[in-house]
Protein backbone atom coordinates (compact mmCIF):
# COMPACT_ATOMS: atom_id res chain seq x y z
CA UNK A 1 1.32 -100.45 -106.05
CA UNK A 2 -1.10 -102.54 -103.95
CA UNK A 3 -4.32 -103.48 -105.69
CA UNK A 4 -6.62 -103.72 -102.69
CA UNK A 5 -9.52 -101.33 -102.30
CA UNK A 6 -7.50 -99.01 -100.05
CA UNK A 7 -4.75 -98.47 -102.61
CA UNK A 8 -6.86 -96.11 -104.70
CA UNK A 9 -7.72 -93.97 -101.73
CA UNK A 10 -4.11 -93.81 -100.54
CA UNK A 11 -2.74 -92.78 -103.93
CA UNK A 12 -5.29 -90.00 -104.17
CA UNK A 13 -4.50 -88.77 -100.68
CA UNK A 14 -0.82 -88.63 -101.58
CA UNK A 15 0.41 -91.41 -99.28
CA UNK A 16 4.13 -92.10 -99.74
CA UNK A 17 6.63 -94.48 -98.09
CA UNK A 18 9.22 -92.94 -95.78
CA UNK A 19 12.02 -93.58 -98.26
CA UNK A 20 10.39 -91.20 -100.70
CA UNK A 21 8.97 -88.69 -98.22
CA UNK A 22 8.98 -84.97 -98.75
CA UNK A 23 11.12 -84.46 -95.67
CA UNK A 24 8.32 -84.42 -93.11
CA UNK A 25 6.08 -86.95 -91.43
CA UNK A 26 2.95 -87.68 -93.55
CA UNK A 27 -0.03 -85.97 -92.00
CA UNK A 28 1.99 -83.09 -90.48
CA UNK A 29 1.33 -79.46 -91.42
CA UNK A 30 4.58 -79.17 -93.34
CA UNK A 31 3.79 -82.26 -95.38
CA UNK A 32 0.24 -81.07 -96.13
CA UNK A 33 1.52 -77.70 -97.20
CA UNK A 34 3.97 -79.27 -99.64
CA UNK A 35 1.29 -81.66 -100.84
CA UNK A 36 -1.05 -78.77 -101.59
CA UNK A 37 1.77 -77.14 -103.47
CA UNK A 38 1.89 -80.15 -105.74
CA UNK A 39 -1.88 -79.77 -106.35
CA UNK A 40 -2.83 -83.25 -105.19
CA UNK A 41 -6.49 -84.21 -105.33
CA UNK A 42 -7.80 -84.99 -101.83
CA UNK A 43 -11.29 -86.17 -102.76
CA UNK A 44 -12.10 -89.83 -102.05
CA UNK A 45 -13.63 -91.73 -104.99
CA UNK A 46 -16.75 -93.90 -104.87
CA UNK A 47 -15.40 -97.41 -104.42
CA UNK A 48 -18.56 -99.07 -105.76
CA UNK A 49 -17.95 -97.35 -109.09
CA UNK A 50 -14.28 -98.33 -109.39
CA UNK A 51 -13.05 -101.43 -111.19
CA UNK A 52 -9.76 -102.00 -109.38
CA UNK A 53 -8.19 -104.58 -111.66
CA UNK A 54 -8.73 -102.84 -115.00
CA UNK A 55 -8.02 -99.38 -113.59
CA UNK A 56 -4.75 -100.56 -112.07
CA UNK A 57 -3.68 -101.81 -115.48
CA UNK A 58 -4.64 -98.47 -117.09
CA UNK A 59 -2.59 -96.58 -114.52
CA UNK A 60 0.53 -98.63 -115.20
CA UNK A 61 0.21 -98.55 -118.98
CA UNK A 62 1.69 -95.63 -121.03
CA UNK A 63 -0.98 -93.51 -122.69
CA UNK A 64 0.94 -92.29 -125.72
CA UNK A 65 4.38 -92.31 -127.26
CA UNK A 66 5.31 -88.88 -125.90
CA UNK A 67 4.94 -90.15 -122.34
CA UNK A 68 7.87 -92.49 -122.79
CA UNK A 69 10.21 -89.88 -124.24
CA UNK A 70 13.21 -89.92 -121.86
CA UNK A 71 14.29 -86.46 -122.97
CA UNK A 72 11.31 -84.76 -121.37
CA UNK A 73 11.35 -86.68 -118.08
CA UNK A 74 12.73 -85.52 -114.77
CA UNK A 75 14.90 -87.70 -112.59
CA UNK A 76 11.86 -88.55 -110.56
CA UNK A 77 10.02 -89.54 -113.75
CA UNK A 78 12.83 -91.79 -114.95
CA UNK A 79 12.75 -93.73 -111.68
CA UNK A 80 9.00 -94.26 -111.89
CA UNK A 81 7.83 -97.86 -112.47
CA UNK A 82 5.68 -96.56 -115.31
CA UNK A 83 8.81 -96.25 -117.44
CA UNK A 84 11.23 -98.66 -115.83
CA UNK A 85 11.40 -101.93 -113.96
CA UNK A 86 12.43 -100.20 -110.74
CA UNK A 87 10.52 -101.56 -107.71
CA UNK A 88 10.03 -98.03 -106.29
CA UNK A 89 6.45 -96.92 -105.70
CA UNK A 90 4.70 -94.05 -107.47
CA UNK A 91 5.76 -90.50 -106.69
CA UNK A 92 2.80 -88.09 -106.82
CA UNK A 93 5.20 -85.23 -107.47
CA UNK A 94 6.33 -86.69 -110.80
CA UNK A 95 4.97 -85.01 -113.91
CA UNK A 96 4.23 -88.38 -115.57
CA UNK A 97 2.19 -89.50 -112.61
CA UNK A 98 0.27 -86.21 -112.57
CA UNK A 99 -0.47 -86.44 -116.31
CA UNK A 100 -1.70 -89.99 -115.89
CA UNK A 101 -3.95 -89.10 -112.94
CA UNK A 102 -5.35 -86.09 -114.77
CA UNK A 103 -6.23 -88.22 -117.77
CA UNK A 104 -7.85 -90.99 -115.75
CA UNK A 105 -9.84 -88.71 -113.42
CA UNK A 106 -10.91 -86.00 -115.88
CA UNK A 107 -10.81 -87.84 -119.17
CA UNK A 108 -13.68 -89.09 -121.30
CA UNK A 109 -16.21 -91.58 -119.85
CA UNK A 110 -14.63 -94.53 -121.62
CA UNK A 111 -11.28 -94.11 -119.85
CA UNK A 112 -12.24 -92.41 -116.62
CA UNK A 113 -10.93 -94.39 -113.67
CA UNK A 114 -12.09 -92.61 -110.51
CA UNK A 115 -15.73 -91.64 -110.01
CA UNK A 116 -16.58 -88.97 -107.45
CA UNK A 117 -20.37 -88.76 -107.93
CA UNK A 118 -23.11 -91.38 -108.28
CA UNK A 119 -24.04 -92.52 -111.75
CA UNK A 120 -27.31 -91.14 -113.05
CA UNK A 121 -30.18 -93.61 -113.19
CA UNK A 122 -30.86 -92.99 -116.87
CA UNK A 123 -27.22 -92.95 -117.90
CA UNK A 124 -26.56 -95.61 -120.50
CA UNK A 125 -24.05 -98.27 -119.55
CA UNK A 126 -21.07 -99.04 -121.72
CA UNK A 127 -21.80 -101.64 -124.32
CA UNK A 128 -20.03 -104.91 -123.91
CA UNK A 129 -19.74 -104.65 -120.12
CA UNK A 130 -19.56 -108.01 -118.41
CA UNK A 131 -22.08 -106.79 -115.80
CA UNK A 132 -24.75 -105.72 -118.29
CA UNK A 133 -26.56 -109.03 -118.04
CA UNK A 134 -26.41 -108.98 -114.25
CA UNK A 135 -27.76 -105.44 -114.08
CA UNK A 136 -30.60 -106.37 -116.41
CA UNK A 137 -31.53 -109.38 -114.31
CA UNK A 138 -31.79 -107.24 -111.17
CA UNK A 139 -33.82 -104.59 -112.97
CA UNK A 140 -36.27 -107.26 -114.06
CA UNK A 141 -36.79 -108.35 -110.44
CA UNK A 142 -39.07 -105.47 -109.55
CA UNK A 143 -41.48 -105.99 -106.68
CA UNK A 144 -44.23 -103.54 -107.53
CA UNK A 145 -47.77 -104.87 -107.91
CA UNK A 146 -48.68 -106.20 -111.34
CA UNK A 147 -51.74 -104.06 -111.78
CA UNK A 148 -54.48 -102.53 -109.70
CA UNK A 149 -56.86 -102.34 -112.66
CA UNK A 150 -58.49 -105.72 -112.23
CA UNK A 151 -62.06 -106.86 -111.81
CA UNK A 152 -62.87 -107.88 -108.26
CA UNK A 153 -65.79 -110.25 -107.62
CA UNK A 154 -69.11 -108.76 -106.57
CA UNK A 155 -70.56 -112.06 -105.37
CA UNK A 156 -69.16 -115.38 -104.10
CA UNK A 157 -68.24 -117.98 -106.70
CA UNK A 158 -69.66 -120.72 -104.48
CA UNK A 159 -71.43 -120.92 -101.13
CA UNK A 160 -71.21 -124.02 -98.93
CA UNK A 161 -74.01 -124.39 -96.41
CA UNK A 162 -72.46 -125.09 -92.99
CA UNK A 163 -75.23 -124.91 -90.38
CA UNK A 164 -73.12 -125.87 -87.34
CA UNK A 165 -70.03 -123.69 -87.91
CA UNK A 166 -68.86 -122.31 -84.57
CA UNK A 167 -68.96 -118.55 -84.11
CA UNK A 168 -65.84 -118.20 -81.97
CA UNK A 169 -62.98 -115.82 -82.63
CA UNK A 170 -60.71 -117.75 -80.25
CA UNK A 171 -60.55 -120.71 -82.65
CA UNK A 172 -58.96 -121.37 -86.05
CA UNK A 173 -61.33 -123.73 -87.83
CA UNK A 174 -60.67 -123.17 -91.54
CA UNK A 175 -57.73 -124.30 -93.67
CA UNK A 176 -57.10 -124.88 -97.39
CA UNK A 177 -54.61 -127.66 -98.14
CA UNK A 178 -52.10 -128.05 -100.97
CA UNK A 179 -54.30 -130.73 -102.62
CA UNK A 180 -57.02 -128.07 -103.06
CA UNK A 181 -59.11 -129.46 -100.21
CA UNK A 182 -60.89 -127.14 -97.78
CA UNK A 183 -61.35 -128.28 -94.19
CA UNK A 184 -63.86 -126.55 -91.92
CA UNK A 185 -65.16 -127.61 -88.54
CA UNK A 186 -68.83 -128.00 -87.60
CA UNK A 187 -68.94 -128.53 -83.83
CA UNK A 188 -67.59 -132.08 -83.39
CA UNK A 189 -67.20 -132.86 -87.09
CA UNK A 190 -64.82 -131.71 -89.81
CA UNK A 191 -66.12 -131.23 -93.33
CA UNK A 192 -63.58 -131.71 -96.16
CA UNK A 193 -64.40 -130.55 -99.70
CA UNK A 194 -62.12 -130.72 -102.74
CA UNK A 195 -62.56 -127.59 -104.85
CA UNK A 196 -61.38 -129.35 -108.01
CA UNK A 197 -63.25 -132.67 -107.90
CA UNK A 198 -66.04 -131.42 -105.58
CA UNK A 199 -65.77 -134.65 -103.61
CA UNK A 200 -66.41 -134.30 -99.90
CA UNK A 201 -66.06 -136.27 -96.71
CA UNK A 202 -66.86 -135.86 -93.05
CA UNK A 203 -64.53 -136.65 -90.17
CA UNK A 204 -66.04 -137.35 -86.75
CA UNK A 205 -63.62 -135.97 -84.17
CA UNK A 206 -65.59 -137.03 -81.08
CA UNK A 207 -65.25 -133.63 -79.43
CA UNK A 208 -65.64 -129.93 -80.14
CA UNK A 209 -63.04 -128.83 -82.71
CA UNK A 210 -61.03 -125.68 -81.93
CA UNK A 211 -58.35 -125.70 -84.66
CA UNK A 212 -57.40 -127.24 -88.00
CA UNK A 213 -54.19 -127.36 -90.05
CA UNK A 214 -53.12 -129.33 -93.14
CA UNK A 215 -49.56 -130.60 -93.44
CA UNK A 216 -47.45 -129.41 -96.39
CA UNK A 217 -48.39 -132.39 -98.58
CA UNK A 218 -52.10 -131.93 -97.90
CA UNK A 219 -52.46 -135.58 -96.85
CA UNK A 220 -52.62 -135.28 -93.04
CA UNK A 221 -55.03 -132.98 -91.22
CA UNK A 222 -54.24 -131.99 -87.63
CA UNK A 223 -57.36 -131.42 -85.54
CA UNK A 224 -57.13 -129.66 -82.16
CA UNK A 225 -59.95 -130.25 -79.68
CA UNK A 226 -61.37 -128.19 -76.87
CA UNK A 227 -60.46 -130.97 -74.42
CA UNK A 228 -56.70 -130.71 -75.05
CA UNK A 229 -56.29 -133.59 -77.51
CA UNK A 230 -54.83 -133.43 -81.01
CA UNK A 231 -55.77 -135.88 -83.75
CA UNK A 232 -53.91 -136.55 -86.99
CA UNK A 233 -56.29 -137.65 -89.74
CA UNK A 234 -55.64 -139.31 -93.08
CA UNK A 235 -58.38 -137.39 -94.83
CA UNK A 236 -58.50 -139.66 -97.87
CA UNK A 237 -58.92 -142.80 -95.76
CA UNK A 238 -61.07 -140.93 -93.22
CA UNK A 239 -59.29 -142.37 -90.20
CA UNK A 240 -57.12 -141.22 -87.30
CA UNK A 241 -53.48 -142.23 -87.76
CA UNK A 242 -52.09 -140.70 -84.54
CA UNK A 243 -53.27 -138.87 -81.45
CA UNK A 244 -51.55 -136.62 -78.91
CA UNK A 245 -53.10 -136.21 -75.46
CA UNK A 246 -52.14 -133.06 -73.58
CA UNK A 247 -54.89 -133.29 -70.98
CA UNK A 248 -52.46 -134.36 -68.21
CA UNK A 249 -50.68 -131.03 -68.72
CA UNK A 250 -53.95 -129.14 -68.20
CA UNK A 251 -53.42 -127.07 -71.30
CA UNK A 252 -57.12 -126.52 -72.00
CA UNK A 253 -58.30 -125.74 -75.50
CA UNK A 254 -55.97 -126.30 -78.49
CA UNK A 255 -56.96 -123.17 -80.38
CA UNK A 256 -54.24 -122.98 -83.05
CA UNK A 257 -51.96 -125.30 -85.05
CA UNK A 258 -49.15 -124.80 -87.57
CA UNK A 259 -47.01 -127.29 -89.51
CA UNK A 260 -43.33 -127.29 -90.34
CA UNK A 261 -42.09 -129.94 -92.75
CA UNK A 262 -41.67 -132.81 -90.27
CA UNK A 263 -43.33 -131.57 -87.10
CA UNK A 264 -45.97 -129.11 -85.94
CA UNK A 265 -46.75 -126.76 -83.08
CA UNK A 266 -49.92 -126.24 -81.07
CA UNK A 267 -51.00 -123.20 -79.08
CA UNK A 268 -53.07 -123.81 -75.96
CA UNK A 269 -55.33 -121.98 -73.57
CA UNK A 270 -52.68 -122.28 -70.85
CA UNK A 271 -50.30 -120.02 -72.81
CA UNK A 272 -47.86 -122.83 -73.64
CA UNK A 273 -46.82 -123.76 -77.19
CA UNK A 274 -46.11 -127.48 -77.58
CA UNK A 275 -43.91 -129.07 -80.26
CA UNK A 276 -45.14 -132.38 -81.68
CA UNK A 277 -43.26 -134.88 -83.84
CA UNK A 278 -45.42 -137.57 -85.52
CA UNK A 279 -42.33 -139.78 -85.85
CA UNK A 280 -42.15 -140.39 -82.09
CA UNK A 281 -44.66 -141.70 -79.59
CA UNK A 282 -44.40 -138.86 -77.07
CA UNK A 283 -47.28 -136.42 -76.98
CA UNK A 284 -44.85 -133.49 -76.91
CA UNK A 285 -41.14 -133.18 -77.70
CA UNK A 286 -40.74 -129.59 -76.53
CA UNK A 287 -42.39 -126.56 -74.96
CA UNK A 288 -42.20 -122.84 -75.69
CA UNK A 289 -43.27 -120.74 -72.75
CA UNK A 290 -43.52 -116.95 -72.86
CA UNK A 291 -47.18 -115.95 -73.18
CA UNK A 292 -49.02 -115.35 -69.93
CA UNK A 293 -52.48 -115.94 -71.44
CA UNK A 294 -54.01 -118.11 -74.16
CA UNK A 295 -52.05 -118.45 -77.42
CA UNK A 296 -54.37 -117.20 -80.15
CA UNK A 297 -52.28 -118.04 -83.21
CA UNK A 298 -49.05 -119.74 -84.29
CA UNK A 299 -47.57 -119.50 -87.79
CA UNK A 300 -44.37 -120.98 -89.18
CA UNK A 301 -42.26 -118.88 -91.55
CA UNK A 302 -41.48 -120.34 -94.98
CA UNK A 303 -37.90 -121.10 -93.89
CA UNK A 304 -39.33 -123.05 -90.89
CA UNK A 305 -36.62 -121.53 -88.72
CA UNK A 306 -38.96 -119.03 -87.10
CA UNK A 307 -42.40 -119.31 -85.53
CA UNK A 308 -44.69 -116.34 -84.89
CA UNK A 309 -47.16 -116.48 -82.02
CA UNK A 310 -49.80 -114.06 -80.80
CA UNK A 311 -51.78 -114.20 -77.59
CA UNK A 312 -54.54 -112.73 -75.48
CA UNK A 313 -51.78 -110.93 -73.56
CA UNK A 314 -51.36 -108.61 -76.61
CA UNK A 315 -47.81 -109.87 -77.19
CA UNK A 316 -46.38 -110.89 -80.56
CA UNK A 317 -43.43 -113.28 -80.28
CA UNK A 318 -41.03 -114.51 -82.94
CA UNK A 319 -39.32 -117.75 -81.90
CA UNK A 320 -35.98 -119.13 -83.01
CA UNK A 321 -36.89 -122.79 -83.45
CA UNK A 322 -33.29 -124.00 -83.45
CA UNK A 323 -32.62 -122.54 -80.02
CA UNK A 324 -36.27 -122.78 -78.93
CA UNK A 325 -36.32 -119.33 -77.42
CA UNK A 326 -37.85 -115.95 -78.18
CA UNK A 327 -35.99 -114.18 -80.99
CA UNK A 328 -38.05 -110.98 -80.89
CA UNK A 329 -40.79 -109.89 -78.49
CA UNK A 330 -43.10 -107.15 -79.74
CA UNK A 331 -45.44 -105.31 -77.37
CA UNK A 332 -46.96 -102.75 -79.73
CA UNK A 333 -50.58 -103.96 -79.70
CA UNK A 334 -53.03 -102.91 -77.00
CA UNK A 335 -55.35 -105.87 -77.48
CA UNK A 336 -55.05 -109.58 -78.25
CA UNK A 337 -53.07 -110.60 -81.31
CA UNK A 338 -55.20 -113.09 -83.26
CA UNK A 339 -54.18 -112.37 -86.87
CA UNK A 340 -50.59 -113.07 -87.94
CA UNK A 341 -49.17 -113.78 -91.42
CA UNK A 342 -45.71 -114.02 -92.99
CA UNK A 343 -45.10 -111.97 -96.13
CA UNK A 344 -44.39 -114.19 -99.18
CA UNK A 345 -42.44 -111.41 -100.96
CA UNK A 346 -40.05 -110.56 -98.09
CA UNK A 347 -39.09 -113.39 -95.77
CA UNK A 348 -38.17 -110.98 -92.98
CA UNK A 349 -41.55 -109.19 -92.98
CA UNK A 350 -44.33 -110.24 -90.62
CA UNK A 351 -47.82 -108.74 -90.40
CA UNK A 352 -49.96 -108.68 -87.26
CA UNK A 353 -53.44 -107.45 -86.39
CA UNK A 354 -54.86 -106.32 -83.08
CA UNK A 355 -58.20 -106.94 -81.40
CA UNK A 356 -61.11 -104.64 -80.70
CA UNK A 357 -59.20 -102.17 -78.53
CA UNK A 358 -56.32 -101.95 -81.00
CA UNK A 359 -57.63 -102.41 -84.60
CA UNK A 360 -54.22 -101.76 -86.19
CA UNK A 361 -52.41 -103.68 -88.91
CA UNK A 362 -48.66 -103.53 -88.38
CA UNK A 363 -45.76 -104.71 -90.51
CA UNK A 364 -42.52 -105.76 -88.82
CA UNK A 365 -38.97 -106.52 -89.82
CA UNK A 366 -38.21 -109.49 -87.58
CA UNK A 367 -34.44 -109.10 -87.92
CA UNK A 368 -34.35 -105.59 -86.50
CA UNK A 369 -37.70 -105.56 -84.69
CA UNK A 370 -38.48 -102.32 -86.52
CA UNK A 371 -42.07 -101.38 -87.36
CA UNK A 372 -42.27 -100.84 -91.12
CA UNK A 373 -45.86 -99.57 -91.42
CA UNK A 374 -49.17 -99.46 -89.59
CA UNK A 375 -52.79 -98.68 -90.42
CA UNK A 376 -55.94 -98.26 -88.33
CA UNK A 377 -58.61 -100.53 -89.85
CA UNK A 378 -61.42 -99.25 -87.62
CA UNK A 379 -62.42 -102.74 -86.47
CA UNK A 380 -61.20 -105.84 -84.67
CA UNK A 381 -58.90 -107.90 -86.93
CA UNK A 382 -59.80 -111.59 -86.83
CA UNK A 383 -57.75 -113.02 -89.68
CA UNK A 384 -55.28 -111.99 -92.38
CA UNK A 385 -53.69 -113.62 -95.40
CA UNK A 386 -51.26 -112.38 -98.05
CA UNK A 387 -52.23 -112.44 -101.72
CA UNK A 388 -49.90 -114.09 -104.20
CA UNK A 389 -51.33 -112.72 -107.45
CA UNK A 390 -50.94 -109.12 -106.31
CA UNK A 391 -48.86 -107.63 -103.55
CA UNK A 392 -51.63 -107.06 -101.05
CA UNK A 393 -52.97 -108.15 -97.69
CA UNK A 394 -56.51 -109.43 -97.01
CA UNK A 395 -58.08 -108.86 -93.58
CA UNK A 396 -61.37 -109.97 -92.05
CA UNK A 397 -63.03 -108.28 -89.12
CA UNK A 398 -65.36 -108.94 -86.23
CA UNK A 399 -67.92 -106.83 -84.45
CA UNK A 400 -70.41 -105.14 -86.76
CA UNK A 401 -68.06 -105.26 -89.76
CA UNK A 402 -68.75 -108.01 -92.31
CA UNK A 403 -66.38 -106.95 -95.07
CA UNK A 404 -63.04 -108.24 -96.32
CA UNK A 405 -60.57 -105.41 -96.83
CA UNK A 406 -57.60 -105.30 -99.22
CA UNK A 407 -54.44 -103.36 -98.38
CA UNK A 408 -51.55 -102.54 -100.69
CA UNK A 409 -48.04 -103.62 -99.78
CA UNK A 410 -45.86 -101.99 -98.51
CA UNK A 411 -47.83 -98.77 -97.91
CA UNK A 412 -50.90 -100.47 -96.33
CA UNK A 413 -53.08 -98.15 -98.37
CA UNK A 414 -56.68 -99.40 -98.51
CA UNK A 415 -57.28 -100.55 -102.09
CA UNK A 416 -60.62 -102.41 -102.16
CA UNK A 417 -63.48 -103.87 -100.13
CA UNK A 418 -65.41 -107.11 -100.68
CA UNK A 419 -68.94 -106.31 -99.47
CA UNK A 420 -71.12 -109.37 -99.96
CA UNK A 421 -71.13 -110.91 -96.49
CA UNK A 422 -74.22 -110.83 -94.32
CA UNK A 423 -72.33 -111.76 -91.14
CA UNK A 424 -68.90 -111.11 -89.70
CA UNK A 425 -65.96 -112.96 -91.25
CA UNK A 426 -63.71 -114.67 -88.71
CA UNK A 427 -61.50 -116.95 -90.82
CA UNK A 428 -59.69 -116.62 -94.16
CA UNK A 429 -57.84 -119.17 -96.29
CA UNK A 430 -56.18 -118.86 -99.70
CA UNK A 431 -56.28 -121.55 -102.40
CA UNK A 432 -52.99 -123.22 -103.40
CA UNK A 433 -52.88 -121.30 -106.72
CA UNK A 434 -53.57 -118.01 -104.92
CA UNK A 435 -56.58 -117.18 -107.13
CA UNK A 436 -59.45 -117.96 -104.73
CA UNK A 437 -60.13 -116.74 -101.22
CA UNK A 438 -62.22 -118.79 -98.80
CA UNK A 439 -63.83 -117.45 -95.64
CA UNK A 440 -66.16 -118.48 -92.87
CA UNK A 441 -67.69 -116.98 -89.76
C-alpha cells in the first residue's frame, strides 16, 4: 500500500486495482452499489490529524492472536498481505481488513488512526508525543498586548526649548537615532541631543532643513535641504562627510529621507524618489517615478526589500527595491498621505494616515493589497509610529488637535490620549528602547 497522503483517502473510498475489481469499472453505478453493500466508509479523513507513517504500520500489524487464525479466514483473507507475504494490495471486502479498519477508525483515542472532526482546543494531547514541545513553543508565541492596565504619563518627562522649529507639515524634521541621540531642525541648523549623556551639538547646514534621518548605526545623519541638496554629517565630529546635489534635476525640496543598510532614499517636491549610495560619487544611482505630486514620506521596511511612499497625490505606493518598480499601488485615501509606518509585529502589515480631507488610519497587507482595518480619527494625521512595549499605534494630528492618540492593534480601537500639548504635534519619534516617545511641532 502506498504511504503518500493520498493512500489513506483512496483506501477509505474503496479504490482497488483492476486485477482485484468487483467486476465493474470503479466509479460506475454497479461498482458503487456493490461497494455500498460491503458497507465501506466514504468519509474523507482530516489529513492534518493523520500520522501517515505510524498509522500505516498499525494497519499492517495484526491486532490480536485471533486475527491470524487461518481457520477463520476466507480465501480473500488468506491472500491479504496482513497475513502473508503476497504482494497483492488490500481488499476492502475481506473480513480482516474490515475488522482492522473498524478498530482504527472507531477505537479508543490511543489507537484511532483516522480523524474525521477537528480536535477540541482544550483536549489534552497524548503524553510523550514528539510534537508536544513544538506545540508548546507555538502556544507561547501569542501576539496579544501585554497589558492595558499601565500608567500613562500626564506630563512630559523633559521639555527642550526649540525657538526656531519650523511649523511645516510638509517636512520631516525629527528623528531619534540608535545611539539615543535626537536630531531636530531649527531653520538652517540641526540640534543633536543625547538622551543618555545629555550632551548636545549644533550642525550648521547652510540652508533651510526639510528632512532628517539617522543611519542604522546612528553615526551618520542625512540632512535634506529645501534647495535640493542632501548632506551626510558625522554628528560626533560635527562635519559633513559627503554631499549630494540634486539641484540640476530641479527636484525642489527634499522633504523626506529613509535609510536602508548601505544606501538611502530621498523624496522630493518633484514627485521623484532618488536612490543614493554613499559608497559612490554619483549624486543618485537610481530613480523611482510614480507619484504625480510631491513625495511626503518614504519608509523602508525592516527587510529592506520594500519601500513605502506617500504623496500629495493621495497615493500610497509599496516599491519592490530589487526590481525598482511599484509592487502595490493603493488609492484608498482622499487626501495626501503624510504618515506611514511599518508594523514591527507583522512584516507584511503597513499603516497609513490621510490628510485633512481623509482623517483615516488604515492597515494594509502589502502581499495581497487587502485593507485589514480602518478608523476615522477625526483630524488630519501628521505622523505615526508603532509602539514596541505594547501592540499599539501612536498618531499625532494637525489642525486644532494637539493630542497624541493611542490605538490598539489590530482592532484600531482608541485606547488612550496624551493631552499635555499646547500646540499641534507634527512629528513623532520613538527611542531605541521603545520606552520614550519624542514629539515636536
